[in-house]
């Protein structure tokens, strides 16, 4: 795996060098962010779903700069590359390389190498409370990804059936963070490997004579390999044969821990998405359910109550309110309160239960990267833990969420999020009393008409409750984007 990552880095550097000789412009963007607040934390919706960039500690700031290249070779081949660096105050890291990637595409098929912020979720990026598998709450994981990112018509279906898909392998780079954050004698993991794949189908009349569409999708993610201190196990299986087991969801071999020999190799999670949309010339309405699973009981819908249940309305001719979104999140069922790992197959009963979403006995950091949950941020990220625990201590929640966005004037847009949440801790370690929380955000973005490339963002947010405490804060972001031009080299 390390050799593959080195090859990716070399390929990336070569692609950047090649593009500098092949075109005459580079896109750039510079961001300066500052937040002033009161309370123990940055207000939840200022830090949540920001790809791990905004610090959780209040009174923080960061500077961010990125460069992007994009060049086409004829009609079929496109080469893109990007680099994105951040330095921050009051963060767990003072500076880091946030994105570094190269993307080569042939028609609809892309090969992406490196770290790139994910844009996989079928849920609304700016208004949703967050995807259950990959929400954009944590930093991007370096990976090799073969993907078809846009819905593409399947031949011989007369334009009615489309699909998109991806297949990726990656590796965590958060070893130093884990060693800093963990308890003195606590269990930990390092050098964790990742696998992800997805497949989505859309049924839609390409001629728009029928104003409805249906979307169905499956996503599957896995942590595997690496090294763990749990039960003094050490190195986890990471051969190519083990990778095939991970991809197919098969049990581990004799060199795997006992739990992985009984169940499947690695820590698996996934989602099933079903969506319906109706569109006219004036608006589009969407209804959807994203179901979450971690084992066979979840795949068999024993936890059918859990997931994101949502709907949205987009208004095409109403500027002041362009989109309204409502979601309900539940993760309290988890296939029941008891988990029967060892049961008699002759009884023909299900053995799952007490799934403890995002947690795993072997991969003690769970479904997180650099302390932030990769999935829905309302399942409280380990970075919030004050005792050095690397696990998710609050994964049984119910929430009602409202998001709105629109434009006050053509150059001034707004976005609001309001979330009420109830929490019960985990099945194995429940809170003594239910904890409630309310979080709100009002954000405005001004793009001056006569100052091309400049943007000014202002956010006001607050939390009230027993999960994140009582926090209030305001942030200011100044952004400048544009083109760097230079003479083309023949």
Protein backbone atom coordinates (compact mmCIF):
# COMPACT_ATOMS: atom_id res chain seq x y z
CA UNK A 1 0.00 0.00 0.00
CA UNK A 2 2.85 2.42 0.81
CA UNK A 3 4.37 1.77 -2.63
CA UNK A 4 1.05 2.58 -4.26
CA UNK A 5 0.81 5.87 -2.33
CA UNK A 6 4.36 6.82 -3.38
CA UNK A 7 3.46 6.15 -7.00
CA UNK A 8 0.41 8.39 -6.55
CA UNK A 9 2.58 11.24 -5.22
CA UNK A 10 5.04 10.94 -8.09
CA UNK A 11 2.20 10.86 -10.61
CA UNK A 12 0.69 13.95 -9.01
CA UNK A 13 3.92 15.93 -9.18
CA UNK A 14 4.47 14.93 -12.80
CA UNK A 15 0.92 15.94 -13.71
CA UNK A 16 1.36 19.37 -12.12
CA UNK A 17 4.67 19.88 -13.94
CA UNK A 18 3.14 18.76 -17.21
CA UNK A 19 0.19 21.11 -16.87
CA UNK A 20 2.44 24.08 -16.23
CA UNK A 21 3.89 23.43 -19.68
CA UNK A 22 0.55 22.74 -21.32
CA UNK A 23 -1.59 25.74 -20.44
CA UNK A 24 -1.35 29.41 -19.63
CA UNK A 25 -3.52 29.92 -16.55
CA UNK A 26 -3.98 28.63 -13.02
CA UNK A 27 -7.03 29.12 -10.81
CA UNK A 28 -6.27 30.34 -7.30
CA UNK A 29 -8.21 31.06 -4.14
CA UNK A 30 -7.17 32.63 -0.84
CA UNK A 31 -9.33 32.52 2.32
CA UNK A 32 -8.88 34.33 5.63
CA UNK A 33 -11.22 33.19 8.42
CA UNK A 34 -11.64 34.42 11.97
CA UNK A 35 -14.13 33.53 14.70
CA UNK A 36 -14.89 35.18 18.00
CA UNK A 37 -17.13 33.38 20.46
CA UNK A 38 -18.04 32.56 24.01
CA UNK A 39 -18.43 29.06 25.45
CA UNK A 40 -16.48 25.83 25.49
CA UNK A 41 -16.67 25.20 21.74
CA UNK A 42 -17.06 26.83 18.35
CA UNK A 43 -20.82 26.80 17.65
CA UNK A 44 -21.73 23.45 16.14
CA UNK A 45 -22.87 24.56 12.69
CA UNK A 46 -19.84 26.78 12.12
CA UNK A 47 -17.48 23.82 12.68
CA UNK A 48 -19.68 20.95 11.43
CA UNK A 49 -19.39 19.64 7.86
CA UNK A 50 -16.39 21.87 7.06
CA UNK A 51 -14.04 18.99 6.17
CA UNK A 52 -12.29 19.31 9.51
CA UNK A 53 -11.01 22.82 8.78
CA UNK A 54 -12.75 25.01 11.39
CA UNK A 55 -11.29 24.40 14.90
CA UNK A 56 -13.59 23.18 17.70
CA UNK A 57 -12.00 25.55 20.21
CA UNK A 58 -13.54 29.05 20.10
CA UNK A 59 -11.69 32.25 19.18
CA UNK A 60 -9.85 30.75 16.26
CA UNK A 61 -8.61 31.66 12.80
CA UNK A 62 -7.12 30.11 9.69
CA UNK A 63 -5.54 31.06 6.37
CA UNK A 64 -6.14 28.86 3.35
CA UNK A 65 -4.71 28.93 -0.15
CA UNK A 66 -5.23 26.63 -3.09
CA UNK A 67 -4.22 26.34 -6.72
CA UNK A 68 -6.03 24.34 -9.39
CA UNK A 69 -5.14 23.33 -12.94
CA UNK A 70 -7.51 22.10 -15.62
CA UNK A 71 -6.50 21.17 -19.16
CA UNK A 72 -8.22 19.25 -21.95
CA UNK A 73 -6.52 17.19 -24.64
CA UNK A 74 -9.05 17.00 -27.42
CA UNK A 75 -12.64 16.05 -26.63
CA UNK A 76 -12.05 12.96 -24.53
CA UNK A 77 -9.11 13.45 -22.15
CA UNK A 78 -8.95 15.96 -19.30
CA UNK A 79 -6.25 16.44 -16.70
CA UNK A 80 -6.85 18.27 -13.42
CA UNK A 81 -4.67 18.82 -10.38
CA UNK A 82 -4.86 20.83 -7.19
CA UNK A 83 -2.99 21.74 -4.04
CA UNK A 84 -4.59 23.25 -0.93
CA UNK A 85 -2.78 24.27 2.26
CA UNK A 86 -4.06 25.59 5.60
CA UNK A 87 -2.50 27.17 8.69
CA UNK A 88 -4.75 27.60 11.72
CA UNK A 89 -4.79 28.99 15.24
CA UNK A 90 -6.39 27.04 18.11
CA UNK A 91 -6.65 23.89 16.01
CA UNK A 92 -5.32 20.38 16.75
CA UNK A 93 -2.85 21.01 13.89
CA UNK A 94 -1.11 24.32 13.26
CA UNK A 95 -0.59 23.68 9.53
CA UNK A 96 -1.37 20.89 7.10
CA UNK A 97 -1.74 20.00 3.45
CA UNK A 98 -5.49 19.70 3.09
CA UNK A 99 -5.81 18.66 -0.56
CA UNK A 100 -3.26 17.36 -3.05
CA UNK A 101 -4.66 15.50 -6.02
CA UNK A 102 -4.51 14.71 -9.71
CA UNK A 103 -7.52 13.66 -11.75
CA UNK A 104 -7.26 12.09 -15.19
CA UNK A 105 -10.48 11.49 -17.09
CA UNK A 106 -11.33 9.74 -20.31
CA UNK A 107 -14.84 10.72 -21.33
CA UNK A 108 -16.94 9.88 -18.24
CA UNK A 109 -14.37 7.75 -16.41
CA UNK A 110 -12.04 9.40 -13.88
CA UNK A 111 -8.93 8.25 -12.04
CA UNK A 112 -8.32 10.42 -8.97
CA UNK A 113 -5.09 10.17 -6.95
CA UNK A 114 -4.43 11.88 -3.62
CA UNK A 115 -6.42 13.85 -1.08
CA UNK A 116 -9.57 15.56 -2.38
CA UNK A 117 -12.66 16.74 -0.52
CA UNK A 118 -15.38 14.16 -1.21
CA UNK A 119 -18.56 15.06 -3.05
CA UNK A 120 -20.25 11.66 -3.06
CA UNK A 121 -23.35 12.20 -0.99
CA UNK A 122 -26.80 12.29 -2.58
CA UNK A 123 -27.90 14.59 0.25
CA UNK A 124 -27.94 18.37 -0.15
CA UNK A 125 -24.42 19.61 0.62
CA UNK A 126 -25.18 23.10 1.96
CA UNK A 127 -28.43 22.45 3.85
CA UNK A 128 -28.50 18.82 5.00
CA UNK A 129 -27.42 17.89 8.51
CA UNK A 130 -25.11 15.35 6.91
CA UNK A 131 -24.65 12.07 5.11
CA UNK A 132 -24.42 9.01 7.39
CA UNK A 133 -21.29 7.62 5.70
CA UNK A 134 -19.33 10.54 4.18
CA UNK A 135 -20.73 13.95 5.07
CA UNK A 136 -17.69 16.17 4.54
CA UNK A 137 -17.23 16.60 8.30
CA UNK A 138 -13.63 15.32 8.40
CA UNK A 139 -10.48 15.89 6.39
CA UNK A 140 -10.19 14.04 3.06
CA UNK A 141 -8.44 10.66 3.20
CA UNK A 142 -5.66 10.08 0.61
CA UNK A 143 -6.85 7.46 -1.84
CA UNK A 144 -6.83 6.00 -5.32
CA UNK A 145 -10.33 6.33 -6.75
CA UNK A 146 -11.73 5.09 -10.06
CA UNK A 147 -15.08 6.79 -10.54
CA UNK A 148 -17.88 7.90 -12.81
CA UNK A 149 -18.95 10.98 -10.81
CA UNK A 150 -21.93 12.10 -12.90
CA UNK A 151 -25.03 10.14 -13.82
CA UNK A 152 -24.36 8.50 -17.19
CA UNK A 153 -26.91 6.89 -19.48
CA UNK A 154 -26.78 3.10 -19.67
CA UNK A 155 -26.74 1.93 -23.32
CA UNK A 156 -29.91 0.44 -24.81
CA UNK A 157 -32.16 2.02 -22.15
CA UNK A 158 -33.29 4.89 -24.42
CA UNK A 159 -32.05 7.42 -21.88
CA UNK A 160 -34.35 6.16 -19.12
CA UNK A 161 -31.74 4.56 -16.85
CA UNK A 162 -28.54 6.23 -15.67
CA UNK A 163 -25.82 5.26 -13.22
CA UNK A 164 -22.74 6.56 -11.41
CA UNK A 165 -20.18 4.64 -9.35
CA UNK A 166 -16.79 4.71 -7.66
CA UNK A 167 -14.21 2.30 -6.23
CA UNK A 168 -11.45 3.52 -3.92
CA UNK A 169 -8.64 2.42 -1.64
CA UNK A 170 -6.91 4.75 0.82
CA UNK A 171 -4.76 5.07 3.90
CA UNK A 172 -5.00 7.18 7.08
CA UNK A 173 -2.27 9.72 7.82
CA UNK A 174 -3.43 10.63 11.34
CA UNK A 175 -0.96 8.55 13.40
CA UNK A 176 0.63 11.57 15.13
CA UNK A 177 -2.77 13.03 15.98
CA UNK A 178 -3.92 9.74 17.52
CA UNK A 179 -0.79 9.46 19.67
CA UNK A 180 -1.30 13.06 20.91
CA UNK A 181 -5.01 12.68 21.59
CA UNK A 182 -5.28 9.21 23.15
CA UNK A 183 -5.34 8.37 26.84
CA UNK A 184 -1.93 7.61 28.35
CA UNK A 185 -2.50 3.86 28.45
CA UNK A 186 -5.48 3.74 26.10
CA UNK A 187 -5.91 1.49 23.09
CA UNK A 188 -5.17 2.96 19.69
CA UNK A 189 -4.67 2.14 16.01
CA UNK A 190 -2.36 3.43 13.31
CA UNK A 191 -1.75 3.07 9.56
CA UNK A 192 -5.41 2.16 8.98
CA UNK A 193 -6.36 1.28 5.40
CA UNK A 194 -9.69 2.22 3.80
CA UNK A 195 -11.91 0.92 1.05
CA UNK A 196 -14.97 2.56 -0.44
CA UNK A 197 -17.33 1.76 -3.28
CA UNK A 198 -20.71 3.03 -4.43
CA UNK A 199 -23.28 2.42 -7.14
CA UNK A 200 -26.29 4.65 -7.87
CA UNK A 201 -29.06 4.28 -10.42
CA UNK A 202 -31.49 6.95 -11.59
CA UNK A 203 -34.69 6.27 -13.53
CA UNK A 204 -35.63 9.41 -15.44
CA UNK A 205 -37.25 10.43 -18.70
CA UNK A 206 -34.49 12.27 -20.57
CA UNK A 207 -37.11 14.02 -22.71
CA UNK A 208 -38.76 15.41 -19.54
CA UNK A 209 -42.21 14.28 -20.68
CA UNK A 210 -42.60 12.52 -17.33
CA UNK A 211 -41.62 15.05 -14.63
CA UNK A 212 -40.56 12.45 -12.07
CA UNK A 213 -37.35 10.57 -11.30
CA UNK A 214 -36.34 7.79 -8.91
CA UNK A 215 -32.87 7.26 -7.45
CA UNK A 216 -31.54 4.19 -5.71
CA UNK A 217 -28.01 3.80 -4.40
CA UNK A 218 -25.69 1.66 -2.30
CA UNK A 219 -22.50 2.79 -0.56
CA UNK A 220 -20.05 0.61 1.30
CA UNK A 221 -16.99 1.64 3.31
CA UNK A 222 -14.42 -0.34 5.30
CA UNK A 223 -11.53 0.21 7.69
CA UNK A 224 -9.01 -2.61 7.52
CA UNK A 225 -5.35 -3.48 7.91
CA UNK A 226 -3.08 -1.27 9.97
CA UNK A 227 -1.87 -1.91 13.51
CA UNK A 228 -3.91 -2.10 16.71
CA UNK A 229 -3.00 -2.29 20.37
CA UNK A 230 -6.34 -3.97 21.17
CA UNK A 231 -5.70 -7.31 22.89
CA UNK A 232 -2.03 -6.85 21.90
CA UNK A 233 -3.01 -8.02 18.41
CA UNK A 234 -0.55 -5.83 16.48
CA UNK A 235 -0.58 -5.93 12.68
CA UNK A 236 -3.92 -6.65 11.04
CA UNK A 237 -4.17 -8.76 7.86
CA UNK A 238 -3.39 -6.57 4.83
CA UNK A 239 -2.45 -8.88 1.94
CA UNK A 240 -4.09 -8.69 -1.48
CA UNK A 241 -6.12 -11.79 -0.56
CA UNK A 242 -7.32 -9.97 2.55
CA UNK A 243 -8.25 -6.97 0.40
CA UNK A 244 -10.47 -9.19 -1.75
CA UNK A 245 -12.14 -10.42 1.47
CA UNK A 246 -12.75 -6.79 2.46
CA UNK A 247 -14.21 -5.88 -0.94
CA UNK A 248 -16.56 -8.89 -0.92
CA UNK A 249 -17.48 -8.58 2.78
CA UNK A 250 -16.10 -12.01 3.72
CA UNK A 251 -14.83 -13.26 7.07
CA UNK A 252 -11.13 -13.03 7.93
CA UNK A 253 -8.64 -15.86 7.72
CA UNK A 254 -6.71 -17.52 10.52
CA UNK A 255 -4.43 -14.50 10.90
CA UNK A 256 -7.38 -12.20 11.70
CA UNK A 257 -8.76 -11.51 15.18
CA UNK A 258 -11.54 -13.79 16.43
CA UNK A 259 -14.30 -11.24 15.84
CA UNK A 260 -13.29 -10.76 12.21
CA UNK A 261 -13.12 -14.53 11.71
CA UNK A 262 -16.70 -14.88 12.94
CA UNK A 263 -18.11 -11.84 11.13
CA UNK A 264 -16.27 -10.04 8.31
CA UNK A 265 -12.71 -8.79 7.96
CA UNK A 266 -12.44 -5.13 8.95
CA UNK A 267 -14.89 -2.52 10.21
CA UNK A 268 -17.71 -2.20 7.67
CA UNK A 269 -20.41 0.44 7.26
CA UNK A 270 -22.77 1.44 4.50
CA UNK A 271 -25.91 3.20 3.35
CA UNK A 272 -28.89 2.47 1.15
CA UNK A 273 -30.47 5.53 -0.47
CA UNK A 274 -33.93 5.79 -2.02
CA UNK A 275 -35.13 9.10 -3.46
CA UNK A 276 -38.07 10.43 -5.48
CA UNK A 277 -38.18 13.81 -7.25
CA UNK A 278 -40.95 15.70 -9.05
CA UNK A 279 -40.11 18.75 -11.16
CA UNK A 280 -42.10 21.42 -12.97
CA UNK A 281 -41.03 24.72 -14.52
CA UNK A 282 -41.45 26.48 -11.20
CA UNK A 283 -40.21 24.07 -8.55
CA UNK A 284 -38.77 20.66 -7.73
CA UNK A 285 -39.70 18.59 -4.70
CA UNK A 286 -37.67 15.66 -3.41
CA UNK A 287 -38.35 12.96 -0.81
CA UNK A 288 -35.67 10.54 0.36
CA UNK A 289 -34.52 8.04 2.96
CA UNK A 290 -30.89 7.17 3.66
CA UNK A 291 -30.67 3.93 5.59
CA UNK A 292 -27.53 3.06 7.58
CA UNK A 293 -26.09 -0.40 8.28
CA UNK A 294 -22.99 -1.88 9.88
CA UNK A 295 -23.70 -5.61 9.68
CA UNK A 296 -26.16 -8.18 8.39
CA UNK A 297 -28.94 -7.05 10.71
CA UNK A 298 -28.76 -3.57 9.21
CA UNK A 299 -28.69 -4.89 5.65
CA UNK A 300 -31.82 -6.88 6.50
CA UNK A 301 -33.46 -3.67 7.79
CA UNK A 302 -33.75 -4.82 11.41
CA UNK A 303 -32.96 -1.16 12.19
CA UNK A 304 -35.32 0.24 9.55
CA UNK A 305 -36.35 3.14 11.82
CA UNK A 306 -32.80 4.50 11.78
CA UNK A 307 -31.51 6.81 9.07
CA UNK A 308 -32.08 10.21 7.52
CA UNK A 309 -35.66 10.83 6.45
CA UNK A 310 -35.92 14.03 4.45
CA UNK A 311 -37.51 16.22 1.83
CA UNK A 312 -36.79 19.48 0.07
CA UNK A 313 -38.44 22.00 -2.26
CA UNK A 314 -36.43 24.09 -4.72
CA UNK A 315 -38.11 27.22 -6.14
CA UNK A 316 -36.69 28.20 -9.54
CA UNK A 317 -38.43 31.58 -9.82
CA UNK A 318 -38.43 32.70 -6.19
CA UNK A 319 -35.15 34.42 -5.33
CA UNK A 320 -35.80 35.17 -1.67
CA UNK A 321 -36.38 31.48 -0.83
CA UNK A 322 -34.65 29.20 -3.31
CA UNK A 323 -34.66 25.98 -1.29
CA UNK A 324 -36.28 24.62 1.88
CA UNK A 325 -35.12 21.34 3.41
CA UNK A 326 -36.51 19.34 6.35
CA UNK A 327 -34.86 16.21 7.78
CA UNK A 328 -35.45 13.80 10.62
CA UNK A 329 -32.52 11.74 11.89
CA UNK A 330 -32.84 8.67 14.09
CA UNK A 331 -30.01 6.37 15.21
CA UNK A 332 -31.53 5.01 18.44
CA UNK A 333 -32.66 1.55 17.30
CA UNK A 334 -29.34 0.01 16.20
CA UNK A 335 -31.03 -3.37 15.55
CA UNK A 336 -32.05 -3.71 19.20
CA UNK A 337 -30.35 -3.39 22.60
CA UNK A 338 -28.56 -6.78 22.68
CA UNK A 339 -25.84 -8.23 20.47
CA UNK A 340 -25.61 -12.03 20.26
CA UNK A 341 -22.23 -12.68 18.66
CA UNK A 342 -22.27 -16.42 19.41
CA UNK A 343 -25.63 -18.01 18.68
CA UNK A 344 -26.90 -21.34 17.43
CA UNK A 345 -27.49 -21.12 13.63
CA UNK A 346 -30.02 -23.93 13.90
CA UNK A 347 -32.34 -21.56 15.75
CA UNK A 348 -32.60 -19.45 12.57
CA UNK A 349 -32.52 -16.17 14.50
CA UNK A 350 -30.65 -12.97 13.81
CA UNK A 351 -27.46 -12.45 15.82
CA UNK A 352 -27.04 -8.67 15.37
CA UNK A 353 -27.98 -5.86 17.71
CA UNK A 354 -26.46 -3.07 19.82
CA UNK A 355 -24.54 -2.01 16.72
CA UNK A 356 -22.93 1.05 18.38
CA UNK A 357 -22.76 3.10 15.19
CA UNK A 358 -19.32 4.37 14.15
CA UNK A 359 -17.58 2.38 16.94
CA UNK A 360 -15.50 -0.79 16.63
CA UNK A 361 -13.76 -2.86 19.30
CA UNK A 362 -10.60 -3.24 17.19
CA UNK A 363 -10.49 0.05 15.24
CA UNK A 364 -10.94 2.13 18.38
CA UNK A 365 -11.01 5.46 16.49
CA UNK A 366 -14.17 4.23 14.81
CA UNK A 367 -15.58 5.96 11.74
CA UNK A 368 -13.39 9.05 12.23
CA UNK A 369 -10.30 10.72 10.80
CA UNK A 370 -8.18 13.23 12.74
CA UNK A 371 -10.81 13.05 15.49
CA UNK A 372 -13.76 14.15 13.35
CA UNK A 373 -16.56 11.78 12.41
CA UNK A 374 -16.62 10.98 8.70
CA UNK A 375 -20.39 10.54 8.78
CA UNK A 376 -23.22 12.61 10.21
CA UNK A 377 -21.71 15.15 12.67
CA UNK A 378 -24.65 14.87 15.10
CA UNK A 379 -23.16 11.57 16.24
CA UNK A 380 -20.65 13.39 18.41
CA UNK A 381 -17.08 13.23 17.08
CA UNK A 382 -14.28 11.85 19.29
CA UNK A 383 -12.51 15.23 19.13
CA UNK A 384 -15.13 16.51 21.59
CA UNK A 385 -14.03 13.94 24.19
CA UNK A 386 -12.19 15.53 27.12
CA UNK A 387 -10.75 12.30 28.59
CA UNK A 388 -8.59 11.13 25.69
CA UNK A 389 -11.09 8.54 24.49
CA UNK A 390 -10.92 7.93 20.73
CA UNK A 391 -14.43 6.45 20.50
CA UNK A 392 -17.89 7.89 19.76
CA UNK A 393 -19.58 8.40 23.15
CA UNK A 394 -22.87 9.66 21.76
CA UNK A 395 -24.30 7.75 18.78
CA UNK A 396 -27.96 7.35 19.77
CA UNK A 397 -29.74 10.52 18.66
CA UNK A 398 -32.96 11.89 17.26
CA UNK A 399 -33.06 15.25 15.54
CA UNK A 400 -35.32 17.58 13.60
CA UNK A 401 -33.47 19.78 11.13
CA UNK A 402 -34.52 22.74 8.97
CA UNK A 403 -32.41 24.42 6.30
CA UNK A 404 -33.23 27.38 4.05
CA UNK A 405 -31.27 29.34 1.45
CA UNK A 406 -31.94 32.14 -0.97
CA UNK A 407 -30.92 35.64 -2.04
CA UNK A 408 -31.76 38.95 -0.41
CA UNK A 409 -30.37 40.87 -3.40
CA UNK A 410 -28.52 39.45 -6.44
CA UNK A 411 -25.11 39.92 -4.77
CA UNK A 412 -26.15 38.85 -1.25
CA UNK A 413 -27.17 35.27 -0.45
CA UNK A 414 -28.08 33.64 2.85
CA UNK A 415 -28.24 30.19 4.42
CA UNK A 416 -29.86 29.14 7.71
CA UNK A 417 -29.73 25.89 9.68
CA UNK A 418 -31.80 25.02 12.75
CA UNK A 419 -31.38 21.68 14.53
CA UNK A 420 -33.03 20.29 17.64
CA UNK A 421 -31.49 17.09 18.98
CA UNK A 422 -32.08 14.53 21.73
CA UNK A 423 -29.26 12.17 22.75
CA UNK A 424 -28.96 9.02 24.84
CA UNK A 425 -25.22 8.16 24.65
CA UNK A 426 -24.51 4.60 23.49
CA UNK A 427 -26.21 1.25 24.13
CA UNK A 428 -23.28 0.04 26.21
CA UNK A 429 -22.77 3.31 28.09
CA UNK A 430 -26.00 5.32 28.09
CA UNK A 431 -26.40 8.77 29.58
CA UNK A 432 -28.03 8.74 33.02
CA UNK A 433 -30.44 11.35 31.68
CA UNK A 434 -31.40 12.28 28.14
CA UNK A 435 -29.38 15.24 26.85
CA UNK A 436 -31.03 17.82 24.59
CA UNK A 437 -29.37 20.35 22.34
CA UNK A 438 -30.36 23.13 19.94
CA UNK A 439 -28.01 24.59 17.32
CA UNK A 440 -28.67 27.40 14.85
CA UNK A 441 -26.75 29.16 12.08
CA UNK A 442 -27.42 32.27 10.01
CA UNK A 443 -24.85 32.81 7.25
CA UNK A 444 -24.61 35.53 4.60
CA UNK A 445 -22.30 35.71 1.57
CA UNK A 446 -21.69 39.00 -0.25
CA UNK A 447 -20.11 39.01 -3.72
CA UNK A 448 -19.44 42.64 -4.74
CA UNK A 449 -20.43 43.24 -8.33
CA UNK A 450 -17.58 45.65 -9.06
CA UNK A 451 -14.83 43.67 -7.27
CA UNK A 452 -14.46 40.49 -9.29
CA UNK A 453 -13.43 37.40 -7.34
CA UNK A 454 -13.96 38.89 -3.88
CA UNK A 455 -16.38 37.33 -1.38
CA UNK A 456 -17.26 38.31 2.17
CA UNK A 457 -18.91 35.74 4.41
CA UNK A 458 -20.47 36.40 7.81
CA UNK A 459 -21.89 33.73 10.13
CA UNK A 460 -23.75 33.95 13.43
CA UNK A 461 -24.39 30.75 15.35
CA UNK A 462 -25.31 29.42 18.77
CA UNK A 463 -25.72 26.20 20.73
CA UNK A 464 -27.84 25.65 23.78
CA UNK A 465 -28.07 22.39 25.69
CA UNK A 466 -26.13 19.64 27.42
CA UNK A 467 -24.27 18.10 24.47
CA UNK A 468 -22.07 21.01 23.40
CA UNK A 469 -23.00 23.44 26.16
CA UNK A 470 -24.05 27.04 25.63
CA UNK A 471 -21.94 28.56 22.85
CA UNK A 472 -22.31 31.67 20.74
CA UNK A 473 -20.06 33.02 18.04
CA UNK A 474 -19.61 35.05 14.89
CA UNK A 475 -17.18 34.50 12.05
CA UNK A 476 -15.87 36.56 9.16
CA UNK A 477 -14.38 35.12 5.96
CA UNK A 478 -12.61 37.10 3.24
CA UNK A 479 -12.00 35.25 -0.03
CA UNK A 480 -10.28 36.19 -3.26
CA UNK A 481 -10.24 33.96 -6.32
CA UNK A 482 -9.02 34.46 -9.84
CA UNK A 483 -6.52 33.44 -12.49
CA UNK A 484 -2.75 33.48 -12.58
CA UNK A 485 -1.67 33.82 -16.20
CA UNK A 486 1.74 33.08 -17.70
CA UNK A 487 3.14 32.63 -21.15
CA UNK A 488 2.45 29.23 -22.67
CA UNK A 489 5.53 27.07 -23.25
CA UNK A 490 5.55 25.27 -26.57
